[in-house]
Amino acid sequence: MIPFEKAWPYDVVMGDLYVPACPFCGADNVLLPVRPDELPDIRDGMKRLLVFPCCRNKVTIVDADRDYLLTDRVLRRGSR
């Protein structure tokens, strides 16, 4: 089961990867420095360092599906 607290949604818009909001600073519609053609390699097990351009926080992408990037860090807290 994918740990949802380590996953973050993304969108592909006109050949670019965007996240609706930065998990660290909250900036809207952040363009990621990851190309959509890198996603198959990430799905096959290649890890990718992602530096958010808005606030320079870093995560490692360890997996991806069609909607979410799975990282090595907790990006959201559970509502317990």
Protein backbone atom coordinates (compact mmCIF):
# COMPACT_ATOMS: atom_id res chain seq x y z
CA MET A 1 0.00 0.00 0.00
CA ILE A 2 1.31 3.45 -0.94
CA PRO A 3 1.91 5.67 2.09
CA PHE A 4 -0.41 8.58 1.27
CA GLU A 5 1.40 10.97 3.62
CA LYS A 6 4.49 10.68 1.38
CA ALA A 7 2.62 11.18 -1.90
CA TRP A 8 1.90 14.47 -3.64
CA PRO A 9 -0.39 15.04 -6.65
CA TYR A 10 0.93 16.37 -9.94
CA ASP A 11 -0.42 17.34 -13.34
CA VAL A 12 1.11 17.30 -16.81
CA VAL A 13 0.17 20.48 -18.66
CA MET A 14 1.48 21.05 -22.19
CA GLY A 15 4.53 18.86 -21.61
CA ASP A 16 5.46 20.26 -18.18
CA LEU A 17 4.96 18.83 -14.67
CA TYR A 18 3.13 21.01 -12.15
CA VAL A 19 2.00 20.51 -8.57
CA PRO A 20 -1.14 22.38 -7.51
CA ALA A 21 0.61 23.67 -4.37
CA CYS A 22 4.06 23.34 -2.83
CA PRO A 23 3.94 21.06 0.25
CA PHE A 24 6.47 23.27 2.04
CA CYS A 25 5.70 26.94 1.31
CA GLY A 26 2.21 26.65 -0.20
CA ALA A 27 3.03 28.39 -3.49
CA ASP A 28 0.37 27.73 -6.14
CA ASN A 29 0.91 25.96 -9.49
CA VAL A 30 4.61 25.19 -9.11
CA LEU A 31 6.44 24.14 -12.29
CA LEU A 32 8.68 21.19 -11.40
CA PRO A 33 12.16 20.68 -12.89
CA VAL A 34 11.18 17.15 -13.95
CA ARG A 35 10.26 16.21 -17.51
CA PRO A 36 7.29 13.93 -18.17
CA ASP A 37 9.57 11.58 -20.13
CA GLU A 38 11.50 10.91 -16.88
CA LEU A 39 8.43 9.39 -15.20
CA PRO A 40 8.77 5.92 -16.80
CA ASP A 41 12.35 5.68 -15.44
CA ILE A 42 11.11 6.70 -11.99
CA ARG A 43 8.35 4.07 -12.18
CA ASP A 44 11.01 1.48 -13.06
CA GLY A 45 12.96 2.20 -9.86
CA MET A 46 15.23 5.15 -10.65
CA LYS A 47 15.24 7.73 -7.85
CA ARG A 48 15.16 11.43 -8.71
CA LEU A 49 16.11 14.40 -6.54
CA LEU A 50 13.46 17.12 -6.75
CA VAL A 51 14.27 20.66 -5.64
CA PHE A 52 11.18 22.84 -5.46
CA PRO A 53 12.03 26.09 -7.29
CA CYS A 54 9.76 28.19 -5.06
CA CYS A 55 11.46 27.50 -1.70
CA ARG A 56 14.46 25.23 -2.47
CA ASN A 57 13.23 22.37 -0.27
CA LYS A 58 14.33 18.94 -1.45
CA VAL A 59 12.71 15.52 -1.67
CA THR A 60 13.68 12.34 -3.46
CA ILE A 61 11.05 10.92 -5.79
CA VAL A 62 11.08 7.14 -5.37
CA ASP A 63 8.02 6.21 -7.44
CA ALA A 64 5.24 7.75 -9.51
CA ASP A 65 1.88 6.77 -10.87
CA ARG A 66 -0.46 8.67 -13.18
CA ASP A 67 -1.57 11.05 -10.41
CA TYR A 68 0.95 11.10 -7.55
CA LEU A 69 4.68 11.37 -6.92
CA LEU A 70 5.87 9.15 -4.05
CA THR A 71 8.72 10.70 -2.05
CA ASP A 72 11.06 9.69 0.74
CA ARG A 73 9.69 12.36 3.14
CA VAL A 74 6.37 12.89 4.84
CA LEU A 75 4.65 15.74 2.99
CA ARG A 76 1.34 15.78 4.84
CA ARG A 77 0.32 14.89 8.35
CA GLY A 78 -2.51 12.48 9.06
CA SER A 79 -5.63 13.90 10.66
CA ARG A 80 -5.66 11.85 13.84
